[in-house]
Amino acid sequence: MLELTGSAFGAMQQSYGGDTFNTAVYLSRCGGSELRVFYATALGDDALSEDLLAHWEQDGIALGLVRQIPGRMPGIYQISVDAQGERSFSFWRNESAARSYFDIEITPLEAQVAQWDAFYFSGISLAILPHAARQRVLQFAARLGQAGKRVVFDNNYRPRLWESVEAAQATYLSAFAVADTLLITANDHQALFGLADLQASVEDAFALAAREVVVKRGEAPTLVRLGTAAWTQVAAEPVSTVVDSTAAGDAFAAGYLCQRLASVVPALAAAYGNRLAARVIQHRGAIIDVSAMQEFMPFPVR
């Protein structure tokens, strides 16, 4: 989506972003030549869409899965950031092209299913789609998982995007079942399932059956578990001044997955993700300038 940052009726900075897209960009930057990152979405045939494609290519994103739908346009969101760096969003996305990605019999993503090594999607990915399209995403993920490929689900939960909490809960449970790696933000999990407090959310996440689970808790240590191993705590990276918390979780996901795809152990991967997230929140906008993260490009293999 197009991103507008600034105060209402004041000067606005224009950029672009979105949860899974932010992860794709940071994953591409950190992975360097070791990873080829594709992004599956739809844009229009307007000038803004063409400009987005040009910028995405500069970000290192492979464009082979992008559909351009005549007459449609990208969505827009506005970010407002308070004095503590916490952000709030306003969205104009109901008619965005991305919602229509699956409005054809076979999408580019599905047509090339045999070539993917990993698939990353989020709760927001599912929320913006009609019911039938959600089911196709879940079926696609299940097919990849059955082929032994890595399927990663990030639980980003935005209540306003869902028609009902019941629909969201049912869809998330299906996503949990098809993913082998779960990235769980504890307060999102708490809000979705109506859990009493953050500790109850963590305990519920502990019971999830996926082979690999990561529980993110803001400033508290990240919790990681692979297979039947014990849970490991990984300290968050301290930040003295948070400028803009936009894309913190998205950056963590990129850093964590970049290292896990290179077979780095989960605890070290989480530490790397925490460091990248800490760097991102010290800058404005979802996608920070590449000059601010040179030491992450490409990632240091340990």
Protein backbone atom coordinates (compact mmCIF):
# COMPACT_ATOMS: atom_id res chain seq x y z
CA MET A 1 0.00 0.00 0.00
CA LEU A 2 0.95 3.62 -0.34
CA GLU A 3 2.08 5.05 3.01
CA LEU A 4 1.40 8.60 4.17
CA THR A 5 3.19 9.71 7.33
CA GLY A 6 2.51 12.99 9.13
CA SER A 7 -0.05 14.98 11.05
CA ALA A 8 -3.61 15.46 9.86
CA PHE A 9 -3.91 18.43 7.48
CA GLY A 10 -0.15 18.97 7.71
CA ALA A 11 2.81 17.93 5.61
CA MET A 12 2.79 14.27 4.58
CA GLN A 13 5.72 12.06 3.62
CA GLN A 14 4.80 9.53 0.94
CA SER A 15 6.29 6.04 0.89
CA TYR A 16 4.93 2.48 0.73
CA GLY A 17 4.69 -0.58 2.96
CA GLY A 18 2.49 -3.26 4.49
CA ASP A 19 3.22 -6.03 6.97
CA THR A 20 4.31 -8.89 4.69
CA PHE A 21 5.82 -6.48 2.19
CA ASN A 22 8.01 -4.94 4.91
CA THR A 23 9.20 -8.43 5.81
CA ALA A 24 9.92 -9.20 2.15
CA VAL A 25 12.08 -6.10 1.74
CA TYR A 26 14.10 -6.68 4.92
CA LEU A 27 14.46 -10.37 4.07
CA SER A 28 15.79 -9.47 0.63
CA ARG A 29 18.24 -6.96 2.07
CA CYS A 30 19.54 -9.30 4.78
CA GLY A 31 19.71 -12.34 2.55
CA GLY A 32 21.61 -10.73 -0.30
CA SER A 33 22.42 -13.11 -3.14
CA GLU A 34 21.66 -16.12 -0.93
CA LEU A 35 17.90 -15.54 -1.13
CA ARG A 36 15.51 -14.71 -3.94
CA VAL A 37 12.40 -13.12 -2.46
CA PHE A 38 9.13 -12.99 -4.43
CA TYR A 39 6.07 -11.02 -3.33
CA ALA A 40 2.60 -12.18 -4.38
CA THR A 41 0.10 -9.35 -4.62
CA ALA A 42 -1.93 -7.32 -7.10
CA LEU A 43 -1.57 -3.75 -8.27
CA GLY A 44 -3.38 -1.66 -10.85
CA ASP A 45 -2.29 -0.34 -14.21
CA ASP A 46 -2.06 3.26 -13.01
CA ALA A 47 1.08 5.40 -12.74
CA LEU A 48 1.37 4.86 -8.98
CA SER A 49 1.35 1.09 -9.46
CA GLU A 50 4.04 1.35 -12.11
CA ASP A 51 6.16 3.48 -9.80
CA LEU A 52 5.70 0.96 -6.99
CA LEU A 53 6.93 -1.87 -9.21
CA ALA A 54 10.03 0.11 -10.13
CA HIS A 55 10.81 0.80 -6.48
CA TRP A 56 10.15 -2.80 -5.43
CA GLU A 57 12.61 -4.03 -8.01
CA GLN A 58 15.20 -1.65 -6.56
CA ASP A 59 14.44 -3.16 -3.14
CA GLY A 60 15.44 -6.56 -4.53
CA ILE A 61 11.93 -8.00 -4.75
CA ALA A 62 11.30 -10.41 -7.63
CA LEU A 63 8.15 -9.27 -9.45
CA GLY A 64 7.10 -12.50 -11.17
CA LEU A 65 4.13 -13.09 -8.84
CA VAL A 66 2.61 -9.60 -9.06
CA ARG A 67 -0.66 -9.28 -10.96
CA GLN A 68 -1.63 -5.96 -12.52
CA ILE A 69 -5.40 -5.59 -12.72
CA PRO A 70 -6.73 -2.97 -15.16
CA GLY A 71 -8.74 -0.24 -13.51
CA ARG A 72 -7.64 -1.04 -9.95
CA MET A 73 -5.28 0.88 -7.66
CA PRO A 74 -3.15 0.25 -4.57
CA GLY A 75 -4.55 0.75 -1.09
CA ILE A 76 -3.47 3.67 1.08
CA TYR A 77 -2.74 3.96 4.77
CA GLN A 78 -1.83 6.92 6.96
CA ILE A 79 0.44 6.59 9.99
CA SER A 80 0.30 8.95 12.97
CA VAL A 81 3.11 8.59 15.51
CA ASP A 82 2.89 9.90 19.09
CA ALA A 83 5.71 11.28 21.27
CA GLN A 84 6.65 7.78 22.45
CA GLY A 85 7.01 6.46 18.90
CA GLU A 86 3.78 4.45 19.04
CA ARG A 87 1.79 4.52 15.84
CA SER A 88 -1.85 4.47 14.83
CA PHE A 89 -3.20 3.75 11.36
CA SER A 90 -6.03 4.87 9.09
CA PHE A 91 -6.70 2.64 6.06
CA TRP A 92 -8.29 3.10 2.64
CA ARG A 93 -8.03 -0.43 1.26
CA ASN A 94 -11.49 -1.90 0.64
CA GLU A 95 -11.11 -1.53 -3.12
CA SER A 96 -7.38 -2.17 -3.29
CA ALA A 97 -6.13 -4.40 -6.08
CA ALA A 98 -4.55 -6.81 -3.59
CA ARG A 99 -7.97 -7.98 -2.44
CA SER A 100 -8.58 -9.35 -5.94
CA TYR A 101 -5.36 -11.33 -6.32
CA PHE A 102 -7.25 -14.64 -6.32
CA ASP A 103 -10.02 -13.51 -8.68
CA ILE A 104 -8.67 -15.81 -11.39
CA GLU A 105 -8.64 -19.59 -11.67
CA ILE A 106 -4.90 -20.01 -11.01
CA THR A 107 -2.70 -17.22 -9.69
CA PRO A 108 1.01 -16.91 -10.55
CA LEU A 109 1.75 -18.04 -6.97
CA GLU A 110 -0.27 -21.25 -7.35
CA ALA A 111 0.93 -21.95 -10.89
CA GLN A 112 4.55 -22.16 -9.73
CA VAL A 113 3.95 -24.11 -6.52
CA ALA A 114 6.72 -26.62 -7.21
CA GLN A 115 9.50 -24.04 -7.16
CA TRP A 116 9.00 -22.51 -3.70
CA ASP A 117 11.24 -23.42 -0.76
CA ALA A 118 9.31 -21.36 1.79
CA PHE A 119 6.04 -19.48 2.06
CA TYR A 120 5.40 -16.64 4.52
CA PHE A 121 1.93 -15.20 5.14
CA SER A 122 0.17 -13.34 7.94
CA GLY A 123 -3.16 -12.77 9.60
CA ILE A 124 -3.46 -9.56 7.62
CA SER A 125 -2.81 -11.47 4.39
CA LEU A 126 -5.89 -13.56 5.20
CA ALA A 127 -8.02 -10.73 6.62
CA ILE A 128 -8.07 -8.63 3.45
CA LEU A 129 -9.24 -11.53 1.26
CA PRO A 130 -12.75 -12.87 0.64
CA HIS A 131 -13.56 -16.21 2.28
CA ALA A 132 -12.95 -18.33 -0.82
CA ALA A 133 -9.56 -16.71 -1.39
CA ARG A 134 -8.58 -17.35 2.24
CA GLN A 135 -9.32 -21.01 1.73
CA ARG A 136 -7.11 -21.09 -1.35
CA VAL A 137 -4.22 -19.58 0.62
CA LEU A 138 -4.65 -22.20 3.35
CA GLN A 139 -4.88 -25.02 0.80
CA PHE A 140 -1.75 -23.71 -0.94
CA ALA A 141 0.10 -23.58 2.39
CA ALA A 142 -1.02 -27.11 3.25
CA ARG A 143 0.18 -28.39 -0.11
CA LEU A 144 3.61 -26.85 0.42
CA GLY A 145 3.82 -28.25 3.92
CA GLN A 146 2.95 -31.72 2.69
CA ALA A 147 5.83 -31.40 0.19
CA GLY A 148 8.22 -30.73 3.07
CA LYS A 149 8.61 -27.01 2.41
CA ARG A 150 8.76 -24.34 5.13
CA VAL A 151 5.42 -22.65 5.81
CA VAL A 152 5.53 -19.64 8.13
CA PHE A 153 2.49 -17.91 9.60
CA ASP A 154 2.75 -14.56 11.41
CA ASN A 155 -0.28 -13.87 13.58
CA ASN A 156 -0.63 -10.12 12.93
CA TYR A 157 -4.21 -9.44 14.04
CA ARG A 158 -6.17 -6.30 13.17
CA PRO A 159 -9.77 -6.66 14.41
CA ARG A 160 -11.18 -4.01 12.07
CA LEU A 161 -10.18 -6.06 9.02
CA TRP A 162 -12.34 -9.03 10.02
CA GLU A 163 -16.08 -9.45 9.56
CA SER A 164 -16.29 -11.10 13.00
CA VAL A 165 -14.01 -12.37 15.74
CA GLU A 166 -15.43 -15.87 15.17
CA ALA A 167 -14.35 -15.81 11.51
CA ALA A 168 -10.90 -14.64 12.54
CA GLN A 169 -10.52 -17.32 15.20
CA ALA A 170 -11.57 -20.12 12.85
CA THR A 171 -9.21 -18.89 10.12
CA TYR A 172 -6.27 -18.55 12.51
CA LEU A 173 -6.79 -22.06 13.85
CA SER A 174 -6.65 -23.33 10.27
CA ALA A 175 -3.48 -21.35 9.64
CA PHE A 176 -1.90 -22.72 12.82
CA ALA A 177 -2.65 -26.22 11.55
CA VAL A 178 -0.93 -25.83 8.15
CA ALA A 179 2.17 -23.89 9.27
CA ASP A 180 5.31 -25.53 10.59
CA THR A 181 6.66 -22.20 11.91
CA LEU A 182 4.52 -19.78 13.91
CA LEU A 183 5.50 -16.21 14.76
CA ILE A 184 3.17 -15.20 17.59
CA THR A 185 2.88 -11.65 18.91
CA ALA A 186 1.54 -12.28 22.40
CA ASN A 187 -0.79 -9.28 22.70
CA ASP A 188 -2.34 -10.02 19.28
CA HIS A 189 -2.92 -13.63 20.36
CA GLN A 190 -4.50 -12.40 23.59
CA ALA A 191 -6.83 -10.01 21.77
CA LEU A 192 -7.93 -12.56 19.18
CA PHE A 193 -8.78 -15.36 21.59
CA GLY A 194 -10.03 -13.21 24.49
CA LEU A 195 -7.40 -14.44 26.93
CA ALA A 196 -7.27 -12.96 30.41
CA ASP A 197 -3.80 -11.43 30.29
CA LEU A 198 -0.45 -11.63 28.53
CA GLN A 199 0.71 -14.57 30.63
CA ALA A 200 -2.39 -16.53 29.61
CA SER A 201 -1.60 -15.65 26.00
CA VAL A 202 1.96 -16.96 26.33
CA GLU A 203 0.75 -20.19 27.97
CA ASP A 204 -1.77 -20.69 25.18
CA ALA A 205 0.94 -20.12 22.58
CA PHE A 206 3.11 -22.68 24.35
CA ALA A 207 0.44 -25.29 23.59
CA LEU A 208 0.48 -24.70 19.83
CA ALA A 209 1.46 -27.83 17.94
CA ALA A 210 3.67 -26.37 15.21
CA ARG A 211 7.22 -27.70 15.00
CA GLU A 212 8.72 -24.22 15.51
CA VAL A 213 7.12 -21.45 17.58
CA VAL A 214 8.36 -17.95 18.38
CA VAL A 215 6.53 -15.79 20.92
CA LYS A 216 7.22 -12.05 20.74
CA ARG A 217 6.52 -9.96 23.84
CA GLY A 218 7.70 -6.44 23.05
CA GLU A 219 10.46 -5.40 25.45
CA ALA A 220 10.30 -8.72 27.33
CA PRO A 221 12.52 -11.59 26.15
CA THR A 222 11.44 -13.42 23.00
CA LEU A 223 10.57 -17.09 23.54
CA VAL A 224 11.57 -19.74 20.99
CA ARG A 225 11.05 -23.48 20.73
CA LEU A 226 12.01 -26.00 18.06
CA GLY A 227 10.54 -29.50 18.13
CA THR A 228 10.48 -31.02 21.60
CA ALA A 229 13.33 -28.87 22.92
CA ALA A 230 12.78 -26.63 25.92
CA TRP A 231 11.69 -23.03 25.44
CA THR A 232 14.58 -20.56 25.24
CA GLN A 233 14.46 -16.90 26.27
CA VAL A 234 16.22 -14.41 24.00
CA ALA A 235 16.69 -10.90 25.36
CA ALA A 236 15.18 -8.01 23.44
CA GLU A 237 17.59 -5.40 22.13
CA PRO A 238 17.40 -2.26 24.35
CA VAL A 239 16.55 1.00 22.59
CA SER A 240 16.85 4.32 24.44
CA THR A 241 14.57 6.28 22.09
CA VAL A 242 11.84 4.76 19.95
CA VAL A 243 11.26 7.05 16.97
CA ASP A 244 8.62 4.96 15.16
CA SER A 245 7.51 1.42 16.07
CA THR A 246 6.08 0.78 12.59
CA ALA A 247 7.32 -2.54 11.11
CA ALA A 248 9.12 -3.70 14.26
CA GLY A 249 7.51 -7.14 14.10
CA ASP A 250 7.90 -7.29 10.33
CA ALA A 251 11.63 -6.62 10.62
CA PHE A 252 11.97 -9.24 13.36
CA ALA A 253 10.28 -11.78 11.10
CA ALA A 254 12.67 -10.98 8.26
CA GLY A 255 15.76 -11.25 10.43
CA TYR A 256 14.60 -14.45 12.09
CA LEU A 257 13.64 -16.16 8.82
CA CYS A 258 16.78 -15.04 7.03
CA GLN A 259 18.89 -16.84 9.59
CA ARG A 260 16.64 -19.87 9.94
CA LEU A 261 16.68 -20.38 6.16
CA ALA A 262 20.46 -20.61 6.53
CA SER A 263 20.05 -23.21 9.33
CA VAL A 264 21.11 -20.87 12.14
CA VAL A 265 19.70 -22.13 15.46
CA PRO A 266 16.45 -20.46 16.63
CA ALA A 267 17.93 -18.61 19.62
CA LEU A 268 20.60 -16.89 17.51
CA ALA A 269 18.06 -16.21 14.77
CA ALA A 270 15.76 -14.53 17.31
CA ALA A 271 18.64 -12.43 18.65
CA TYR A 272 19.39 -11.28 15.12
CA GLY A 273 15.71 -10.49 14.51
CA ASN A 274 15.58 -8.47 17.72
CA ARG A 275 18.64 -6.46 16.68
CA LEU A 276 17.14 -5.70 13.28
CA ALA A 277 13.81 -4.68 14.82
CA ALA A 278 15.64 -2.40 17.27
CA ARG A 279 17.40 -0.70 14.36
CA VAL A 280 14.18 -0.19 12.40
CA ILE A 281 12.26 1.48 15.26
CA GLN A 282 14.97 4.12 15.57
CA HIS A 283 13.96 5.48 12.15
CA ARG A 284 10.74 6.79 10.68
CA GLY A 285 8.62 4.76 8.29
CA ALA A 286 8.06 1.09 7.60
CA ILE A 287 11.05 0.71 5.25
CA ILE A 288 14.14 2.49 6.55
CA ASP A 289 16.90 3.73 4.29
CA VAL A 290 19.31 1.02 3.30
CA SER A 291 22.23 3.10 4.61
CA ALA A 292 20.91 2.65 8.17
CA MET A 293 21.34 -1.13 8.14
CA GLN A 294 24.55 -1.82 6.24
CA GLU A 295 25.88 -4.22 8.87
CA PHE A 296 22.86 -6.46 8.32
CA MET A 297 23.49 -6.85 4.57
CA PRO A 298 23.94 -9.66 3.96
CA PHE A 299 23.53 -11.33 7.34
CA PRO A 300 26.59 -12.69 9.19
CA VAL A 301 26.44 -16.50 9.18
CA ARG A 302 27.56 -17.91 12.54
